[in-house]
C-alpha atoms as a PDB file:
ATOM      1  CA  MET A   1     109.492 108.675 106.702  1.00  0.00           C
ATOM      2  CA  ASN A   2     108.228 106.660 103.780  1.00  0.00           C
ATOM      3  CA  ASN A   3     109.486 107.579 100.309  1.00  0.00           C
ATOM      4  CA  SER A   4     107.521 105.079  98.244  1.00  0.00           C
ATOM      5  CA  ARG A   5     105.724 106.556  95.278  1.00  0.00           C
ATOM      6  CA  PHE A   6     103.373 105.688  92.441  1.00  0.00           C
ATOM      7  CA  ILE A   7     104.309 107.013  88.997  1.00  0.00           C
ATOM      8  CA  THR A   8     101.726 107.291  86.218  1.00  0.00           C
ATOM      9  CA  PRO A   9     102.158 107.914  82.471  1.00  0.00           C
ATOM     10  CA  PRO A  10     103.707 109.876  80.999  1.00  0.00           C
ATOM     11  CA  SER A  11     105.844 110.653  84.060  1.00  0.00           C
ATOM     12  CA  THR A  12     109.229 109.180  84.864  1.00  0.00           C
ATOM     13  CA  VAL A  13     111.399 109.709  87.921  1.00  0.00           C
ATOM     14  CA  LYS A  14     115.066 109.586  88.729  1.00  0.00           C
ATOM     15  CA  ASN A  15     115.878 106.476  90.733  1.00  0.00           C
ATOM     16  CA  GLN A  16     116.717 107.334  94.342  1.00  0.00           C
ATOM     17  CA  GLY A  17     117.740 103.814  95.317  1.00  0.00           C
ATOM     18  CA  ASN A  18     114.173 102.589  95.675  1.00  0.00           C
ATOM     19  CA  HIS A  19     113.166  99.139  94.424  1.00  0.00           C
ATOM     20  CA  THR A  20     111.517  99.906  91.070  1.00  0.00           C
ATOM     21  CA  VAL A  21     108.568  97.896  89.764  1.00  0.00           C
ATOM     22  CA  VAL A  22     106.209  98.262  86.808  1.00  0.00           C
ATOM     23  CA  LEU A  23     102.686  97.199  87.733  1.00  0.00           C
ATOM     24  CA  ILE A  24     100.560  96.454  84.663  1.00  0.00           C
ATOM     25  CA  ASP A  25      96.762  96.448  84.697  1.00  0.00           C
ATOM     26  CA  ALA A  26      96.334  96.468  88.454  1.00  0.00           C
ATOM     27  CA  ASP A  27      92.838  97.271  89.648  1.00  0.00           C
ATOM     28  CA  ASN A  28      91.905  99.923  92.213  1.00  0.00           C
ATOM     29  CA  GLN A  29      91.793  97.396  95.054  1.00  0.00           C
ATOM     30  CA  ASP A  30      95.375  96.282  94.304  1.00  0.00           C
ATOM     31  CA  ILE A  31      96.564  99.888  94.259  1.00  0.00           C
ATOM     32  CA  ASN A  32      94.722 100.734  97.491  1.00  0.00           C
ATOM     33  CA  GLU A  33      96.259  97.699  99.230  1.00  0.00           C
ATOM     34  CA  LEU A  34      99.708  98.808  98.110  1.00  0.00           C
ATOM     35  CA  HIS A  35      99.058 102.332  99.330  1.00  0.00           C
ATOM     36  CA  VAL A  36      98.193 100.977 102.787  1.00  0.00           C
ATOM     37  CA  PHE A  37     101.259  98.701 102.734  1.00  0.00           C
ATOM     38  CA  PHE A  38     103.542 101.615 101.803  1.00  0.00           C
ATOM     39  CA  THR A  39     102.401 103.674 104.806  1.00  0.00           C
ATOM     40  CA  SER A  40     104.181 101.247 107.139  1.00  0.00           C
ATOM     41  CA  SER A  41     106.824  99.805 104.820  1.00  0.00           C
ATOM     42  CA  VAL A  42     110.466 100.001 105.896  1.00  0.00           C
ATOM     43  CA  LYS A  43     111.630  99.635 102.271  1.00  0.00           C
ATOM     44  CA  ASP A  44     110.979 102.328  99.683  1.00  0.00           C
ATOM     45  CA  PHE A  45     109.468 101.508  96.291  1.00  0.00           C
ATOM     46  CA  ASP A  46     108.921 103.297  92.991  1.00  0.00           C
ATOM     47  CA  VAL A  47     105.906 101.756  91.276  1.00  0.00           C
ATOM     48  CA  TYR A  48     105.088 102.632  87.694  1.00  0.00           C
ATOM     49  CA  LEU A  49     101.368 102.077  87.131  1.00  0.00           C
ATOM     50  CA  TYR A  50     100.575 101.153  83.550  1.00  0.00           C
ATOM     51  CA  GLN A  51      97.173 100.298  82.095  1.00  0.00           C
ATOM     52  CA  GLY A  52      97.178  98.345  78.840  1.00  0.00           C
ATOM     53  CA  ASP A  53      94.722 100.715  77.230  1.00  0.00           C
ATOM     54  CA  TYR A  54      97.271 103.541  77.569  1.00  0.00           C
ATOM     55  CA  GLY A  55      98.910 102.072  74.476  1.00  0.00           C
ATOM     56  CA  ASP A  56     102.244 103.919  74.546  1.00  0.00           C
ATOM     57  CA  LEU A  57     104.694 101.115  73.759  1.00  0.00           C
ATOM     58  CA  GLU A  58     107.695 103.457  73.757  1.00  0.00           C
ATOM     59  CA  TYR A  59     106.870 104.541  77.310  1.00  0.00           C
ATOM     60  CA  LEU A  60     106.248 100.923  78.361  1.00  0.00           C
ATOM     61  CA  ASN A  61     109.600  99.891  76.907  1.00  0.00           C
ATOM     62  CA  TYR A  62     111.358 102.726  78.733  1.00  0.00           C
ATOM     63  CA  ILE A  63     109.854 101.994  82.155  1.00  0.00           C
ATOM     64  CA  THR A  64     110.388  98.237  81.913  1.00  0.00           C
ATOM     65  CA  ASN A  65     114.048  98.886  81.123  1.00  0.00           C
ATOM     66  CA  GLN A  66     114.276 101.080  84.246  1.00  0.00           C
ATOM     67  CA  ALA A  67     112.532  98.571  86.496  1.00  0.00           C
ATOM     68  CA  GLU A  68     113.987  95.765  88.544  1.00  0.00           C
ATOM     69  CA  TRP A  69     110.774  93.776  88.106  1.00  0.00           C
ATOM     70  CA  VAL A  70     107.458  93.809  86.236  1.00  0.00           C
ATOM     71  CA  LEU A  71     104.169  92.516  87.648  1.00  0.00           C
ATOM     72  CA  ILE A  72     101.467  91.807  85.055  1.00  0.00           C
ATOM     73  CA  ASN A  73      97.832  91.034  85.795  1.00  0.00           C
ATOM     74  CA  GLU A  74      97.023  87.583  84.396  1.00  0.00           C
ATOM     75  CA  LYS A  75      93.981  89.151  82.670  1.00  0.00           C
ATOM     76  CA  SER A  76      96.111  91.749  80.884  1.00  0.00           C
ATOM     77  CA  GLN A  77      96.507  91.825  77.118  1.00  0.00           C
ATOM     78  CA  VAL A  78      99.957  93.417  77.563  1.00  0.00           C
ATOM     79  CA  SER A  79     102.822  91.090  76.714  1.00  0.00           C
ATOM     80  CA  ILE A  80     106.489  91.811  77.229  1.00  0.00           C
ATOM     81  CA  GLN A  81     108.625  89.564  75.075  1.00  0.00           C
ATOM     82  CA  ASN A  82     112.151  88.432  75.954  1.00  0.00           C
ATOM     83  CA  TYR A  83     112.060  89.981  79.410  1.00  0.00           C
ATOM     84  CA  ASP A  84     112.967  87.596  82.200  1.00  0.00           C
ATOM     85  CA  LYS A  85     112.217  89.873  85.161  1.00  0.00           C
ATOM     86  CA  GLN A  86     108.456  89.560  85.211  1.00  0.00           C
ATOM     87  CA  THR A  87     105.746  87.805  87.174  1.00  0.00           C
ATOM     88  CA  LYS A  88     102.071  87.394  86.418  1.00  0.00           C
ATOM     89  CA  PHE A  89      99.714  87.957  89.321  1.00  0.00           C
ATOM     90  CA  GLY A  90      96.144  86.791  89.752  1.00  0.00           C
ATOM     91  CA  LEU A  91      94.009  84.174  91.403  1.00  0.00           C
ATOM     92  CA  SER A  92      95.539  81.311  89.380  1.00  0.00           C
ATOM     93  CA  GLN A  93      99.146  82.474  89.897  1.00  0.00           C
ATOM     94  CA  SER A  94     101.681  81.912  92.692  1.00  0.00           C
ATOM     95  CA  VAL A  95     101.495  85.668  93.382  1.00  0.00           C
ATOM     96  CA  ARG A  96      97.789  86.307  93.753  1.00  0.00           C
ATOM     97  CA  TYR A  97      97.946  89.999  94.662  1.00  0.00           C
ATOM     98  CA  PRO A  98     100.687  92.558  93.970  1.00  0.00           C
ATOM     99  CA  VAL A  99     101.069  93.364  97.682  1.00  0.00           C
ATOM    100  CA  GLU A 100     102.370  89.790  98.211  1.00  0.00           C
ATOM    101  CA  TYR A 101     105.339  90.554  95.954  1.00  0.00           C
ATOM    102  CA  PHE A 102     106.144  93.749  97.853  1.00  0.00           C
ATOM    103  CA  GLU A 103     105.876  91.946 101.196  1.00  0.00           C
ATOM    104  CA  GLN A 104     108.427  89.385  99.960  1.00  0.00           C
ATOM    105  CA  ILE A 105     110.853  92.102  98.854  1.00  0.00           C
ATOM    106  CA  GLN A 106     110.487  93.883 102.196  1.00  0.00           C
ATOM    107  CA  LYS A 107     111.085  90.627 104.089  1.00  0.00           C
ATOM    108  CA  GLN A 108     114.291  90.015 102.096  1.00  0.00           C
ATOM    109  CA  PHE A 109     115.395  93.583 102.879  1.00  0.00           C
ATOM    110  CA  ILE A 110     114.715  93.129 106.610  1.00  0.00           C
ATOM    111  CA  ASP A 111     116.471  89.736 106.680  1.00  0.00           C
ATOM    112  CA  LYS A 112     119.579  91.213 104.990  1.00  0.00           C
ATOM    113  CA  THR A 113     119.554  94.139 107.411  1.00  0.00           C
ATOM    114  CA  ILE A 114     119.403  91.794 110.402  1.00  0.00           C
ATOM    115  CA  GLU A 115     122.209  89.625 108.990  1.00  0.00           C
ATOM    116  CA  SER A 116     124.455  92.667 108.541  1.00  0.00           C
ATOM    117  CA  VAL A 117     123.938  93.646 112.192  1.00  0.00           C
ATOM    118  CA  LEU A 118     124.717  90.162 113.468  1.00  0.00           C
END
């Protein structure tokens, strides 16, 4: 059973051990691709969806402090200063689509699981 979930403002959730990510200014295609990925994912994720036009900096500060990582669309006007756990995504970035990041995290999880069995 998959326990990944999308969280939208102004909601917050209690961490249940899921990998927590803030996804800033993702488009509908990015979100749909993640939804499909989550249906077969073996790792659970909590993904806070934040659109820059929401404009609640207190909420943004709170969720970024809860997250293990932040993914920001390269076209976004949102800037998070002095925060070293962030990656820009977009066609000119090393992570082109958010789903690539989640695939990497899942692969690391699977590799660690296999190593612990061996």
